[in-house]
Amino acid sequence: MMRVCELTGKRRNVANNVSHAHNKTKKIQNPNLQWKRIYIPEAGSSIRMRLSTRAIRSINRIGLEAYCAKLGVDYKALLVRKLGA
């Protein structure tokens, strides 16, 4: 499973570790992803998504439907994909 936020598409970043002598080695910075269960009132059930903590905070603040609209993600297609109906 790739470490990608299901809503924002946030994924790993490649950066450099820089030593005191300015030697550079590659390092990977992974996003802080969490499994989150989100209740959908229209469906009367919950969906489980892998989200970045930034996305979780935004969903808690403005709601999933408004956040999907802000990102340009099709809310109805998301529900169909996650609920399977």
PDB file of N, CA and C in Angstrom:
ATOM      1  N   MET A   1       0.839  -1.176   0.000  1.00  0.00           N
ATOM      2  CA  MET A   1       0.000   0.000   0.000  1.00  0.00           C
ATOM      3  C   MET A   1       0.887   1.243   0.000  1.00  0.00           C
ATOM      4  N   MET A   2       0.607   2.134  -0.921  1.00  0.00           N
ATOM      5  CA  MET A   2       1.383   3.367  -0.992  1.00  0.00           C
ATOM      6  C   MET A   2       0.954   4.315   0.121  1.00  0.00           C
ATOM      7  N   ARG A   3       1.896   5.110   0.561  1.00  0.00           N
ATOM      8  CA  ARG A   3       1.588   6.099   1.591  1.00  0.00           C
ATOM      9  C   ARG A   3       1.115   7.375   0.905  1.00  0.00           C
ATOM     10  N   VAL A   4      -0.173   7.381   0.534  1.00  0.00           N
ATOM     11  CA  VAL A   4      -0.769   8.513  -0.162  1.00  0.00           C
ATOM     12  C   VAL A   4      -2.089   8.845   0.511  1.00  0.00           C
ATOM     13  N   CYS A   5      -2.317  10.127   0.779  1.00  0.00           N
ATOM     14  CA  CYS A   5      -3.590  10.586   1.325  1.00  0.00           C
ATOM     15  C   CYS A   5      -4.666  10.401   0.259  1.00  0.00           C
ATOM     16  N   GLU A   6      -5.793   9.794   0.625  1.00  0.00           N
ATOM     17  CA  GLU A   6      -6.844   9.491  -0.342  1.00  0.00           C
ATOM     18  C   GLU A   6      -7.560  10.734  -0.850  1.00  0.00           C
ATOM     19  N   LEU A   7      -7.546  11.821  -0.108  1.00  0.00           N
ATOM     20  CA  LEU A   7      -8.223  13.042  -0.550  1.00  0.00           C
ATOM     21  C   LEU A   7      -7.270  14.040  -1.186  1.00  0.00           C
ATOM     22  N   THR A   8      -6.200  14.364  -0.492  1.00  0.00           N
ATOM     23  CA  THR A   8      -5.312  15.429  -0.967  1.00  0.00           C
ATOM     24  C   THR A   8      -4.272  14.930  -1.955  1.00  0.00           C
ATOM     25  N   GLY A   9      -4.001  13.619  -1.968  1.00  0.00           N
ATOM     26  CA  GLY A   9      -2.966  13.083  -2.846  1.00  0.00           C
ATOM     27  C   GLY A   9      -1.566  13.325  -2.318  1.00  0.00           C
ATOM     28  N   LYS A  10      -1.472  13.781  -1.080  1.00  0.00           N
ATOM     29  CA  LYS A  10      -0.170  14.043  -0.465  1.00  0.00           C
ATOM     30  C   LYS A  10       0.617  12.745  -0.378  1.00  0.00           C
ATOM     31  N   ARG A  11       1.884  12.775  -0.825  1.00  0.00           N
ATOM     32  CA  ARG A  11       2.718  11.575  -0.838  1.00  0.00           C
ATOM     33  C   ARG A  11       4.112  11.895  -0.326  1.00  0.00           C
ATOM     34  N   ARG A  12       5.001  10.899  -0.368  1.00  0.00           N
ATOM     35  CA  ARG A  12       6.335  11.089   0.196  1.00  0.00           C
ATOM     36  C   ARG A  12       7.136  12.136  -0.571  1.00  0.00           C
ATOM     37  N   ASN A  13       8.103  12.723   0.124  1.00  0.00           N
ATOM     38  CA  ASN A  13       8.990  13.730  -0.447  1.00  0.00           C
ATOM     39  C   ASN A  13      10.423  13.230  -0.303  1.00  0.00           C
ATOM     40  N   VAL A  14      11.249  13.490  -1.307  1.00  0.00           N
ATOM     41  CA  VAL A  14      12.659  13.116  -1.239  1.00  0.00           C
ATOM     42  C   VAL A  14      13.459  14.380  -0.964  1.00  0.00           C
ATOM     43  N   ALA A  15      14.281  14.321   0.080  1.00  0.00           N
ATOM     44  CA  ALA A  15      15.072  15.481   0.488  1.00  0.00           C
ATOM     45  C   ALA A  15      16.504  15.029   0.751  1.00  0.00           C
ATOM     46  N   ASN A  16      17.342  15.961   1.138  1.00  0.00           N
ATOM     47  CA  ASN A  16      18.737  15.658   1.431  1.00  0.00           C
ATOM     48  C   ASN A  16      19.023  15.792   2.920  1.00  0.00           C
ATOM     49  N   ASN A  17      19.739  14.803   3.465  1.00  0.00           N
ATOM     50  CA  ASN A  17      20.375  14.951   4.766  1.00  0.00           C
ATOM     51  C   ASN A  17      21.691  15.666   4.506  1.00  0.00           C
ATOM     52  N   VAL A  18      21.944  16.753   5.184  1.00  0.00           N
ATOM     53  CA  VAL A  18      23.174  17.505   4.949  1.00  0.00           C
ATOM     54  C   VAL A  18      24.008  17.451   6.221  1.00  0.00           C
ATOM     55  N   SER A  19      25.216  16.886   6.099  1.00  0.00           N
ATOM     56  CA  SER A  19      26.104  16.773   7.249  1.00  0.00           C
ATOM     57  C   SER A  19      26.833  18.093   7.486  1.00  0.00           C
ATOM     58  N   HIS A  20      27.608  18.121   8.551  1.00  0.00           N
ATOM     59  CA  HIS A  20      28.391  19.317   8.867  1.00  0.00           C
ATOM     60  C   HIS A  20      29.392  19.623   7.748  1.00  0.00           C
ATOM     61  N   ALA A  21      29.888  18.573   7.082  1.00  0.00           N
ATOM     62  CA  ALA A  21      30.841  18.741   5.977  1.00  0.00           C
ATOM     63  C   ALA A  21      30.121  18.960   4.638  1.00  0.00           C
ATOM     64  N   HIS A  22      28.820  19.142   4.685  1.00  0.00           N
ATOM     65  CA  HIS A  22      27.971  19.380   3.511  1.00  0.00           C
ATOM     66  C   HIS A  22      27.896  18.187   2.567  1.00  0.00           C
ATOM     67  N   ASN A  23      28.105  16.982   3.107  1.00  0.00           N
ATOM     68  CA  ASN A  23      27.845  15.777   2.324  1.00  0.00           C
ATOM     69  C   ASN A  23      26.334  15.569   2.301  1.00  0.00           C
ATOM     70  N   LYS A  24      25.809  15.237   1.140  1.00  0.00           N
ATOM     71  CA  LYS A  24      24.364  15.090   1.010  1.00  0.00           C
ATOM     72  C   LYS A  24      24.006  13.638   0.721  1.00  0.00           C
ATOM     73  N   THR A  25      23.063  13.113   1.488  1.00  0.00           N
ATOM     74  CA  THR A  25      22.512  11.787   1.246  1.00  0.00           C
ATOM     75  C   THR A  25      20.998  11.924   1.187  1.00  0.00           C
ATOM     76  N   LYS A  26      20.389  11.096   0.364  1.00  0.00           N
ATOM     77  CA  LYS A  26      18.938  11.167   0.189  1.00  0.00           C
ATOM     78  C   LYS A  26      18.224  10.649   1.432  1.00  0.00           C
ATOM     79  N   LYS A  27      17.130  11.298   1.759  1.00  0.00           N
ATOM     80  CA  LYS A  27      16.252  10.785   2.803  1.00  0.00           C
ATOM     81  C   LYS A  27      14.812  10.963   2.331  1.00  0.00           C
ATOM     82  N   ILE A  28      13.944  10.146   2.855  1.00  0.00           N
ATOM     83  CA  ILE A  28      12.536  10.176   2.460  1.00  0.00           C
ATOM     84  C   ILE A  28      11.721  10.737   3.613  1.00  0.00           C
ATOM     85  N   GLN A  29      10.876  11.705   3.310  1.00  0.00           N
ATOM     86  CA  GLN A  29       9.975  12.296   4.293  1.00  0.00           C
ATOM     87  C   GLN A  29       8.565  11.818   3.967  1.00  0.00           C
ATOM     88  N   ASN A  30       8.024  10.952   4.819  1.00  0.00           N
ATOM     89  CA  ASN A  30       6.684  10.423   4.606  1.00  0.00           C
ATOM     90  C   ASN A  30       5.647  11.339   5.237  1.00  0.00           C
ATOM     91  N   PRO A  31       4.462  11.458   4.621  1.00  0.00           N
ATOM     92  CA  PRO A  31       3.400  12.252   5.240  1.00  0.00           C
ATOM     93  C   PRO A  31       2.864  11.526   6.466  1.00  0.00           C
ATOM     94  N   ASN A  32       2.293  12.287   7.377  1.00  0.00           N
ATOM     95  CA  ASN A  32       1.708  11.708   8.584  1.00  0.00           C
ATOM     96  C   ASN A  32       0.301  11.235   8.238  1.00  0.00           C
ATOM     97  N   LEU A  33       0.188   9.960   7.855  1.00  0.00           N
ATOM     98  CA  LEU A  33      -1.097   9.395   7.443  1.00  0.00           C
ATOM     99  C   LEU A  33      -1.684   8.563   8.569  1.00  0.00           C
ATOM    100  N   GLN A  34      -2.991   8.671   8.728  1.00  0.00           N
ATOM    101  CA  GLN A  34      -3.713   7.945   9.766  1.00  0.00           C
ATOM    102  C   GLN A  34      -4.949   7.313   9.137  1.00  0.00           C
ATOM    103  N   TRP A  35      -5.329   6.133   9.627  1.00  0.00           N
ATOM    104  CA  TRP A  35      -6.609   5.549   9.238  1.00  0.00           C
ATOM    105  C   TRP A  35      -7.688   6.248  10.046  1.00  0.00           C
ATOM    106  N   LYS A  36      -8.712   6.744   9.369  1.00  0.00           N
ATOM    107  CA  LYS A  36      -9.769   7.507  10.041  1.00  0.00           C
ATOM    108  C   LYS A  36     -11.122   6.991   9.573  1.00  0.00           C
ATOM    109  N   ARG A  37     -12.016   6.748  10.518  1.00  0.00           N
ATOM    110  CA  ARG A  37     -13.382   6.341  10.203  1.00  0.00           C
ATOM    111  C   ARG A  37     -14.252   7.594  10.238  1.00  0.00           C
ATOM    112  N   ILE A  38     -14.913   7.882   9.115  1.00  0.00           N
ATOM    113  CA  ILE A  38     -15.722   9.092   8.988  1.00  0.00           C
ATOM    114  C   ILE A  38     -17.174   8.679   8.790  1.00  0.00           C
ATOM    115  N   TYR A  39     -18.063   9.228   9.623  1.00  0.00           N
ATOM    116  CA  TYR A  39     -19.489   8.915   9.532  1.00  0.00           C
ATOM    117  C   TYR A  39     -20.126   9.727   8.412  1.00  0.00           C
ATOM    118  N   ILE A  40     -20.911   9.044   7.560  1.00  0.00           N
ATOM    119  CA  ILE A  40     -21.627   9.677   6.457  1.00  0.00           C
ATOM    120  C   ILE A  40     -23.116   9.622   6.788  1.00  0.00           C
ATOM    121  N   PRO A  41     -23.731  10.776   7.143  1.00  0.00           N
ATOM    122  CA  PRO A  41     -25.139  10.751   7.554  1.00  0.00           C
ATOM    123  C   PRO A  41     -26.097  10.320   6.440  1.00  0.00           C
ATOM    124  N   GLU A  42     -25.803  10.683   5.174  1.00  0.00           N
ATOM    125  CA  GLU A  42     -26.706  10.314   4.076  1.00  0.00           C
ATOM    126  C   GLU A  42     -26.792   8.804   3.912  1.00  0.00           C
ATOM    127  N   ALA A  43     -25.678   8.129   4.108  1.00  0.00           N
ATOM    128  CA  ALA A  43     -25.636   6.679   3.942  1.00  0.00           C
ATOM    129  C   ALA A  43     -25.971   5.952   5.239  1.00  0.00           C
ATOM    130  N   GLY A  44     -25.866   6.649   6.357  1.00  0.00           N
ATOM    131  CA  GLY A  44     -26.126   6.026   7.646  1.00  0.00           C
ATOM    132  C   GLY A  44     -25.031   5.068   8.070  1.00  0.00           C
ATOM    133  N   SER A  45     -23.843   5.218   7.492  1.00  0.00           N
ATOM    134  CA  SER A  45     -22.730   4.345   7.848  1.00  0.00           C
ATOM    135  C   SER A  45     -21.422   5.127   7.795  1.00  0.00           C
ATOM    136  N   SER A  46     -20.347   4.442   8.125  1.00  0.00           N
ATOM    137  CA  SER A  46     -19.033   5.070   8.153  1.00  0.00           C
ATOM    138  C   SER A  46     -18.175   4.540   7.016  1.00  0.00           C
ATOM    139  N   ILE A  47     -17.214   5.365   6.602  1.00  0.00           N
ATOM    140  CA  ILE A  47     -16.212   4.919   5.642  1.00  0.00           C
ATOM    141  C   ILE A  47     -14.848   5.059   6.300  1.00  0.00           C
ATOM    142  N   ARG A  48     -13.944   4.180   5.916  1.00  0.00           N
ATOM    143  CA  ARG A  48     -12.601   4.181   6.486  1.00  0.00           C
ATOM    144  C   ARG A  48     -11.649   4.690   5.420  1.00  0.00           C
ATOM    145  N   MET A  49     -10.890   5.735   5.747  1.00  0.00           N
ATOM    146  CA  MET A  49     -10.001   6.351   4.770  1.00  0.00           C
ATOM    147  C   MET A  49      -8.625   6.552   5.375  1.00  0.00           C
ATOM    148  N   ARG A  50      -7.622   6.544   4.517  1.00  0.00           N
ATOM    149  CA  ARG A  50      -6.256   6.855   4.943  1.00  0.00           C
ATOM    150  C   ARG A  50      -5.994   8.310   4.599  1.00  0.00           C
ATOM    151  N   LEU A  51      -5.908   9.157   5.628  1.00  0.00           N
ATOM    152  CA  LEU A  51      -5.846  10.600   5.438  1.00  0.00           C
ATOM    153  C   LEU A  51      -4.632  11.189   6.133  1.00  0.00           C
ATOM    154  N   SER A  52      -4.160  12.304   5.580  1.00  0.00           N
ATOM    155  CA  SER A  52      -3.110  13.065   6.257  1.00  0.00           C
ATOM    156  C   SER A  52      -3.746  13.793   7.439  1.00  0.00           C
ATOM    157  N   THR A  53      -2.945  14.123   8.425  1.00  0.00           N
ATOM    158  CA  THR A  53      -3.471  14.812   9.598  1.00  0.00           C
ATOM    159  C   THR A  53      -4.004  16.192   9.229  1.00  0.00           C
ATOM    160  N   ARG A  54      -3.436  16.824   8.220  1.00  0.00           N
ATOM    161  CA  ARG A  54      -3.945  18.111   7.731  1.00  0.00           C
ATOM    162  C   ARG A  54      -5.372  17.948   7.197  1.00  0.00           C
ATOM    163  N   ALA A  55      -5.624  16.868   6.449  1.00  0.00           N
ATOM    164  CA  ALA A  55      -6.957  16.603   5.909  1.00  0.00           C
ATOM    165  C   ALA A  55      -7.943  16.293   7.033  1.00  0.00           C
ATOM    166  N   ILE A  56      -7.507  15.548   8.043  1.00  0.00           N
ATOM    167  CA  ILE A  56      -8.380  15.221   9.173  1.00  0.00           C
ATOM    168  C   ILE A  56      -8.804  16.490   9.896  1.00  0.00           C
ATOM    169  N   ARG A  57      -7.869  17.396  10.115  1.00  0.00           N
ATOM    170  CA  ARG A  57      -8.197  18.660  10.795  1.00  0.00           C
ATOM    171  C   ARG A  57      -9.176  19.488   9.979  1.00  0.00           C
ATOM    172  N   SER A  58      -8.985  19.521   8.667  1.00  0.00           N
ATOM    173  CA  SER A  58      -9.883  20.287   7.800  1.00  0.00           C
ATOM    174  C   SER A  58     -11.280  19.675   7.776  1.00  0.00           C
ATOM    175  N   ILE A  59     -11.361  18.347   7.734  1.00  0.00           N
ATOM    176  CA  ILE A  59     -12.662  17.672   7.749  1.00  0.00           C
ATOM    177  C   ILE A  59     -13.378  17.935   9.065  1.00  0.00           C
ATOM    178  N   ASN A  60     -12.657  17.913  10.172  1.00  0.00           N
ATOM    179  CA  ASN A  60     -13.267  18.213  11.470  1.00  0.00           C
ATOM    180  C   ASN A  60     -13.787  19.643  11.526  1.00  0.00           C
ATOM    181  N   ARG A  61     -13.112  20.540  10.822  1.00  0.00           N
ATOM    182  CA  ARG A  61     -13.476  21.958  10.861  1.00  0.00           C
ATOM    183  C   ARG A  61     -14.661  22.274   9.949  1.00  0.00           C
ATOM    184  N   ILE A  62     -14.610  21.828   8.664  1.00  0.00           N
ATOM    185  CA  ILE A  62     -15.647  22.242   7.712  1.00  0.00           C
ATOM    186  C   ILE A  62     -16.508  21.097   7.195  1.00  0.00           C
ATOM    187  N   GLY A  63     -16.157  19.859   7.485  1.00  0.00           N
ATOM    188  CA  GLY A  63     -16.945  18.716   7.033  1.00  0.00           C
ATOM    189  C   GLY A  63     -16.371  18.099   5.767  1.00  0.00           C
ATOM    190  N   LEU A  64     -16.694  16.826   5.558  1.00  0.00           N
ATOM    191  CA  LEU A  64     -16.136  16.082   4.431  1.00  0.00           C
ATOM    192  C   LEU A  64     -16.634  16.613   3.092  1.00  0.00           C
ATOM    193  N   GLU A  65     -17.940  16.884   2.997  1.00  0.00           N
ATOM    194  CA  GLU A  65     -18.499  17.331   1.711  1.00  0.00           C
ATOM    195  C   GLU A  65     -17.916  18.676   1.290  1.00  0.00           C
ATOM    196  N   ALA A  66     -17.804  19.621   2.227  1.00  0.00           N
ATOM    197  CA  ALA A  66     -17.241  20.941   1.915  1.00  0.00           C
ATOM    198  C   ALA A  66     -15.759  20.829   1.569  1.00  0.00           C
ATOM    199  N   TYR A  67     -15.039  19.942   2.253  1.00  0.00           N
ATOM    200  CA  TYR A  67     -13.610  19.781   1.974  1.00  0.00           C
ATOM    201  C   TYR A  67     -13.390  19.157   0.598  1.00  0.00           C
ATOM    202  N   CYS A  68     -14.251  18.202   0.227  1.00  0.00           N
ATOM    203  CA  CYS A  68     -14.158  17.614  -1.119  1.00  0.00           C
ATOM    204  C   CYS A  68     -14.412  18.678  -2.180  1.00  0.00           C
ATOM    205  N   ALA A  69     -15.386  19.553  -1.942  1.00  0.00           N
ATOM    206  CA  ALA A  69     -15.678  20.625  -2.898  1.00  0.00           C
ATOM    207  C   ALA A  69     -14.492  21.570  -3.019  1.00  0.00           C
ATOM    208  N   LYS A  70     -13.849  21.863  -1.901  1.00  0.00           N
ATOM    209  CA  LYS A  70     -12.689  22.762  -1.909  1.00  0.00           C
ATOM    210  C   LYS A  70     -11.529  22.164  -2.705  1.00  0.00           C
ATOM    211  N   LEU A  71     -11.345  20.843  -2.601  1.00  0.00           N
ATOM    212  CA  LEU A  71     -10.250  20.170  -3.302  1.00  0.00           C
ATOM    213  C   LEU A  71     -10.595  19.830  -4.750  1.00  0.00           C
ATOM    214  N   GLY A  72     -11.881  19.904  -5.096  1.00  0.00           N
ATOM    215  CA  GLY A  72     -12.297  19.522  -6.440  1.00  0.00           C
ATOM    216  C   GLY A  72     -12.478  18.023  -6.597  1.00  0.00           C
ATOM    217  N   VAL A  73     -12.710  17.330  -5.490  1.00  0.00           N
ATOM    218  CA  VAL A  73     -12.933  15.883  -5.506  1.00  0.00           C
ATOM    219  C   VAL A  73     -14.437  15.640  -5.578  1.00  0.00           C
ATOM    220  N   ASP A  74     -14.868  14.703  -6.428  1.00  0.00           N
ATOM    221  CA  ASP A  74     -16.288  14.388  -6.567  1.00  0.00           C
ATOM    222  C   ASP A  74     -16.750  13.606  -5.337  1.00  0.00           C
ATOM    223  N   TYR A  75     -17.575  14.246  -4.503  1.00  0.00           N
ATOM    224  CA  TYR A  75     -18.030  13.669  -3.242  1.00  0.00           C
ATOM    225  C   TYR A  75     -18.868  12.415  -3.480  1.00  0.00           C
ATOM    226  N   LYS A  76     -19.789  12.473  -4.443  1.00  0.00           N
ATOM    227  CA  LYS A  76     -20.674  11.332  -4.717  1.00  0.00           C
ATOM    228  C   LYS A  76     -19.870  10.129  -5.229  1.00  0.00           C
ATOM    229  N   ALA A  77     -18.897  10.383  -6.108  1.00  0.00           N
ATOM    230  CA  ALA A  77     -18.064   9.290  -6.621  1.00  0.00           C
ATOM    231  C   ALA A  77     -17.228   8.679  -5.498  1.00  0.00           C
ATOM    232  N   LEU A  78     -16.777   9.512  -4.565  1.00  0.00           N
ATOM    233  CA  LEU A  78     -16.016   9.025  -3.416  1.00  0.00           C
ATOM    234  C   LEU A  78     -16.869   8.079  -2.579  1.00  0.00           C
ATOM    235  N   LEU A  79     -18.127   8.468  -2.330  1.00  0.00           N
ATOM    236  CA  LEU A  79     -19.023   7.618  -1.545  1.00  0.00           C
ATOM    237  C   LEU A  79     -19.306   6.302  -2.264  1.00  0.00           C
ATOM    238  N   VAL A  80     -19.531   6.368  -3.571  1.00  0.00           N
ATOM    239  CA  VAL A  80     -19.797   5.146  -4.335  1.00  0.00           C
ATOM    240  C   VAL A  80     -18.589   4.221  -4.282  1.00  0.00           C
ATOM    241  N   ARG A  81     -17.391   4.789  -4.430  1.00  0.00           N
ATOM    242  CA  ARG A  81     -16.175   3.978  -4.413  1.00  0.00           C
ATOM    243  C   ARG A  81     -15.944   3.347  -3.040  1.00  0.00           C
ATOM    244  N   LYS A  82     -16.184   4.112  -1.972  1.00  0.00           N
ATOM    245  CA  LYS A  82     -15.895   3.610  -0.628  1.00  0.00           C
ATOM    246  C   LYS A  82     -16.999   2.702  -0.083  1.00  0.00           C
ATOM    247  N   LEU A  83     -18.264   3.024  -0.400  1.00  0.00           N
ATOM    248  CA  LEU A  83     -19.374   2.228   0.123  1.00  0.00           C
ATOM    249  C   LEU A  83     -19.709   1.053  -0.785  1.00  0.00           C
ATOM    250  N   GLY A  84     -19.288   1.123  -2.032  1.00  0.00           N
ATOM    251  CA  GLY A  84     -19.516   0.031  -2.960  1.00  0.00           C
ATOM    252  C   GLY A  84     -20.956  -0.099  -3.425  1.00  0.00           C
ATOM    253  N   ALA A  85     -21.727   0.985  -3.329  1.00  0.00           N
ATOM    254  CA  ALA A  85     -23.133   0.910  -3.773  1.00  0.00           C
ATOM    255  C   ALA A  85     -23.493   2.103  -4.604  1.00  0.00           C
TER     256      ALA A  85
END
